[in-house]
């Protein structure tokens, strides 16, 4: 049996999560972090694989303590931890409302936190096919120019979030929403990169404290 401590540090689930984030871990590695230790003759990752194979990735989220207890040596404590983890996840997701972004004004409303910021914030909304927000990320803070905003920063997370389309937005601290030459060049590059990847850049929206400008509405996309 290969023990977890015998693996290279970068292959250990906890160290891997800390370095790369939870998105890069498999289901069995995430479960292994919950379980912490394996059982007799089996390390924690192998134990996690066996549990997921028995219950399936979806089935384990609905398993109760009685079903989990004594499965491949699981005790009451670990069974309770697994059940508690999935129940907490369900409750948090039930309270999460999907944001539907259908217009530039919707985006402007979502960006209250950066409207009057003194630095430019370049924000990406990752959307599903129904225009619902999956994730919002700020990819750059500071003065924007075409050399600083690279398509990879925008489209690399698309695969991670399984997004179908993106909306690009940034603020103009000057209060003037009119696009600069760099704004136009950045948008052109992102649209071209999106076409290659099959990801639509729905709009680029420049926001200020009291106004906004949509590239789509202006015929710039």
Protein backbone atom coordinates (compact mmCIF):
# COMPACT_ATOMS: atom_id res chain seq x y z
CA UNK A 1 0.00 0.00 0.00
CA UNK A 2 1.31 3.45 -0.94
CA UNK A 3 0.86 5.84 1.96
CA UNK A 4 -0.11 9.45 1.32
CA UNK A 5 3.05 10.66 3.04
CA UNK A 6 5.09 8.61 0.55
CA UNK A 7 3.64 10.53 -2.41
CA UNK A 8 5.39 13.65 -3.75
CA UNK A 9 3.97 16.68 -1.95
CA UNK A 10 2.39 18.05 -5.11
CA UNK A 11 0.34 14.84 -5.51
CA UNK A 12 -1.07 14.92 -1.98
CA UNK A 13 -4.68 16.18 -2.04
CA UNK A 14 -4.31 18.83 0.65
CA UNK A 15 -1.12 20.30 -0.79
CA UNK A 16 -2.59 20.14 -4.30
CA UNK A 17 -5.70 22.07 -3.22
CA UNK A 18 -3.60 24.70 -1.47
CA UNK A 19 -1.41 25.25 -4.53
CA UNK A 20 -3.93 24.96 -7.39
CA UNK A 21 -7.38 25.42 -5.81
CA UNK A 22 -10.27 22.93 -5.45
CA UNK A 23 -11.17 23.03 -9.16
CA UNK A 24 -8.02 21.08 -10.04
CA UNK A 25 -8.79 18.15 -7.73
CA UNK A 26 -10.72 15.03 -8.66
CA UNK A 27 -13.80 13.99 -6.68
CA UNK A 28 -11.81 11.29 -4.91
CA UNK A 29 -9.10 13.79 -3.91
CA UNK A 30 -11.70 16.19 -2.48
CA UNK A 31 -13.32 13.36 -0.53
CA UNK A 32 -9.88 12.27 0.68
CA UNK A 33 -9.37 15.70 2.26
CA UNK A 34 -12.63 15.24 4.16
CA UNK A 35 -11.71 11.75 5.33
CA UNK A 36 -8.12 12.71 6.24
CA UNK A 37 -6.96 9.12 6.83
CA UNK A 38 -7.51 5.77 5.16
CA UNK A 39 -8.50 2.48 6.75
CA UNK A 40 -6.66 -0.78 7.34
CA UNK A 41 -4.52 -1.69 4.33
CA UNK A 42 -5.72 1.20 2.14
CA UNK A 43 -4.69 4.83 1.87
CA UNK A 44 -7.19 7.66 1.96
CA UNK A 45 -7.26 8.32 -1.82
CA UNK A 46 -7.85 4.64 -2.57
CA UNK A 47 -10.54 4.58 0.11
CA UNK A 48 -12.21 7.59 -1.48
CA UNK A 49 -12.14 5.91 -4.89
CA UNK A 50 -13.82 2.81 -3.47
CA UNK A 51 -16.51 4.83 -1.72
CA UNK A 52 -17.29 6.88 -4.85
CA UNK A 53 -17.38 3.74 -6.97
CA UNK A 54 -19.85 2.14 -4.56
CA UNK A 55 -22.16 5.15 -4.20
CA UNK A 56 -21.31 7.09 -7.40
CA UNK A 57 -20.39 10.79 -7.25
CA UNK A 58 -24.06 11.84 -7.09
CA UNK A 59 -25.22 9.00 -4.87
CA UNK A 60 -22.83 9.79 -2.04
CA UNK A 61 -24.35 13.24 -1.65
CA UNK A 62 -27.65 11.59 -0.67
CA UNK A 63 -26.24 8.77 1.48
CA UNK A 64 -27.12 8.75 5.16
CA UNK A 65 -24.92 7.91 8.14
CA UNK A 66 -26.27 4.38 8.39
CA UNK A 67 -25.42 3.65 4.74
CA UNK A 68 -21.91 5.10 5.03
CA UNK A 69 -21.01 3.68 8.43
CA UNK A 70 -18.81 0.58 8.27
CA UNK A 71 -18.44 0.94 4.47
CA UNK A 72 -14.81 -0.01 3.82
CA UNK A 73 -14.10 0.62 7.50
CA UNK A 74 -15.69 4.06 7.81
CA UNK A 75 -16.56 4.92 11.40
CA UNK A 76 -19.34 7.09 12.78
CA UNK A 77 -17.22 10.24 12.83
CA UNK A 78 -16.24 10.10 9.16
CA UNK A 79 -19.73 9.08 8.06
CA UNK A 80 -21.18 12.07 9.95
CA UNK A 81 -18.61 14.44 8.42
CA UNK A 82 -19.51 13.36 4.88
CA UNK A 83 -23.25 13.72 5.48
CA UNK A 84 -22.79 17.11 7.18
CA UNK A 85 -20.62 18.39 4.30
CA UNK A 86 -23.18 17.60 1.61
CA UNK A 87 -26.09 18.90 3.70
CA UNK A 88 -24.28 22.20 4.23
CA UNK A 89 -23.59 22.44 0.48
CA UNK A 90 -27.27 21.84 -0.32
CA UNK A 91 -28.41 24.55 2.08
CA UNK A 92 -25.97 27.11 0.74
CA UNK A 93 -26.89 26.37 -2.88
CA UNK A 94 -30.60 26.66 -2.12
CA UNK A 95 -29.99 30.19 -0.86
CA UNK A 96 -27.94 31.17 -3.91
CA UNK A 97 -29.94 33.01 -6.54
CA UNK A 98 -28.71 32.81 -10.10
CA UNK A 99 -28.20 36.25 -11.58
CA UNK A 100 -29.77 36.67 -15.00
CA UNK A 101 -27.81 39.16 -17.10
CA UNK A 102 -29.91 40.25 -20.06
CA UNK A 103 -28.99 43.89 -20.53
CA UNK A 104 -26.10 46.33 -20.01
CA UNK A 105 -28.14 47.92 -17.23
CA UNK A 106 -28.21 44.54 -15.43
CA UNK A 107 -24.41 44.43 -15.60
CA UNK A 108 -24.16 48.03 -14.40
CA UNK A 109 -26.36 47.08 -11.47
CA UNK A 110 -24.13 44.12 -10.62
CA UNK A 111 -21.00 46.28 -10.54
CA UNK A 112 -21.95 48.74 -7.80
CA UNK A 113 -18.73 47.91 -5.98
CA UNK A 114 -16.43 49.27 -8.71
CA UNK A 115 -18.46 52.09 -10.31
CA UNK A 116 -16.61 54.93 -8.61
CA UNK A 117 -13.34 53.11 -7.94
CA UNK A 118 -10.24 55.21 -8.58
CA UNK A 119 -8.55 52.32 -10.43
CA UNK A 120 -9.85 50.49 -13.47
CA UNK A 121 -11.15 46.98 -12.79
CA UNK A 122 -11.44 44.57 -15.72
CA UNK A 123 -14.23 42.11 -14.91
CA UNK A 124 -15.48 38.98 -16.68
CA UNK A 125 -18.94 37.49 -16.21
CA UNK A 126 -18.97 33.80 -17.13
CA UNK A 127 -22.46 32.81 -18.28
CA UNK A 128 -24.33 29.64 -19.14
CA UNK A 129 -26.41 29.29 -22.31
CA UNK A 130 -29.39 31.00 -20.62
CA UNK A 131 -27.44 34.17 -19.74
CA UNK A 132 -27.26 33.17 -16.07
CA UNK A 133 -24.11 34.12 -14.24
CA UNK A 134 -21.92 31.18 -13.27
CA UNK A 135 -19.03 33.20 -11.92
CA UNK A 136 -17.64 36.71 -11.89
CA UNK A 137 -13.91 37.35 -11.83
CA UNK A 138 -11.74 40.46 -11.80
CA UNK A 139 -8.80 39.64 -14.06
CA UNK A 140 -6.93 42.96 -13.90
CA UNK A 141 -6.77 46.03 -11.69
CA UNK A 142 -5.02 49.17 -12.93
CA UNK A 143 -4.75 51.15 -16.14
CA UNK A 144 -5.86 48.99 -19.05
CA UNK A 145 -4.03 48.66 -22.31
CA UNK A 146 -4.15 46.12 -25.09
CA UNK A 147 -0.82 44.61 -24.04
CA UNK A 148 -1.92 43.90 -20.47
CA UNK A 149 -5.25 42.17 -21.12
CA UNK A 150 -4.47 38.81 -22.69
CA UNK A 151 -7.19 36.44 -23.99
CA UNK A 152 -5.81 33.57 -21.91
CA UNK A 153 -6.73 35.38 -18.66
CA UNK A 154 -10.28 35.69 -19.95
CA UNK A 155 -10.82 32.30 -21.57
CA UNK A 156 -8.80 29.94 -19.36
CA UNK A 157 -11.51 29.97 -16.64
CA UNK A 158 -14.23 29.36 -19.29
CA UNK A 159 -13.28 25.69 -19.42
CA UNK A 160 -13.12 25.48 -15.63
CA UNK A 161 -16.60 26.97 -15.19
CA UNK A 162 -18.11 25.26 -18.28
CA UNK A 163 -19.32 28.66 -19.46
CA UNK A 164 -21.02 29.13 -22.82
CA UNK A 165 -20.45 32.87 -23.20
CA UNK A 166 -18.87 35.85 -21.47
CA UNK A 167 -19.60 39.49 -20.83
CA UNK A 168 -16.62 41.80 -20.42
CA UNK A 169 -16.87 44.96 -18.32
CA UNK A 170 -14.64 47.60 -16.81
CA UNK A 171 -15.00 50.96 -15.09
CA UNK A 172 -13.75 54.36 -16.19
CA UNK A 173 -12.70 56.39 -13.13
CA UNK A 174 -12.80 59.56 -15.27
CA UNK A 175 -16.61 59.34 -15.42
CA UNK A 176 -16.60 59.29 -19.23
CA UNK A 177 -17.89 55.95 -20.58
CA UNK A 178 -16.62 56.50 -24.14
CA UNK A 179 -14.18 53.72 -25.19
CA UNK A 180 -10.50 54.41 -25.72
CA UNK A 181 -8.43 52.98 -28.57
CA UNK A 182 -7.10 50.36 -26.15
CA UNK A 183 -10.68 49.45 -25.16
CA UNK A 184 -11.54 48.90 -28.82
CA UNK A 185 -8.39 46.86 -29.45
CA UNK A 186 -8.92 44.69 -26.36
CA UNK A 187 -12.50 43.95 -27.40
CA UNK A 188 -11.47 43.05 -30.95
CA UNK A 189 -8.81 40.62 -29.71
CA UNK A 190 -11.18 38.96 -27.25
CA UNK A 191 -13.90 38.51 -29.87
CA UNK A 192 -11.42 36.91 -32.28
CA UNK A 193 -10.08 34.59 -29.59
CA UNK A 194 -13.63 33.70 -28.54
CA UNK A 195 -14.55 32.72 -32.09
CA UNK A 196 -11.63 30.29 -32.23
CA UNK A 197 -12.75 28.70 -28.94
CA UNK A 198 -16.45 28.77 -29.76
CA UNK A 199 -17.19 31.17 -26.88
CA UNK A 200 -19.26 34.26 -27.62
CA UNK A 201 -18.24 37.61 -26.22
CA UNK A 202 -21.78 38.89 -25.69
CA UNK A 203 -20.85 42.48 -24.86
CA UNK A 204 -18.20 44.79 -23.48
CA UNK A 205 -19.67 47.30 -21.07
CA UNK A 206 -17.88 50.37 -19.75
CA UNK A 207 -19.35 51.67 -16.52
CA UNK A 208 -19.05 54.86 -14.50
CA UNK A 209 -20.67 55.97 -11.28
CA UNK A 210 -23.78 57.21 -13.05
CA UNK A 211 -23.67 55.85 -16.59
CA UNK A 212 -22.62 52.99 -18.84
CA UNK A 213 -21.85 52.26 -22.47
CA UNK A 214 -22.54 48.99 -24.27
CA UNK A 215 -20.34 48.06 -27.22
CA UNK A 216 -23.21 45.94 -28.55
CA UNK A 217 -25.75 48.74 -28.39
CA UNK A 218 -23.27 51.11 -30.06
CA UNK A 219 -22.68 48.64 -32.89
CA UNK A 220 -19.05 48.12 -31.88
CA UNK A 221 -19.53 44.34 -31.58
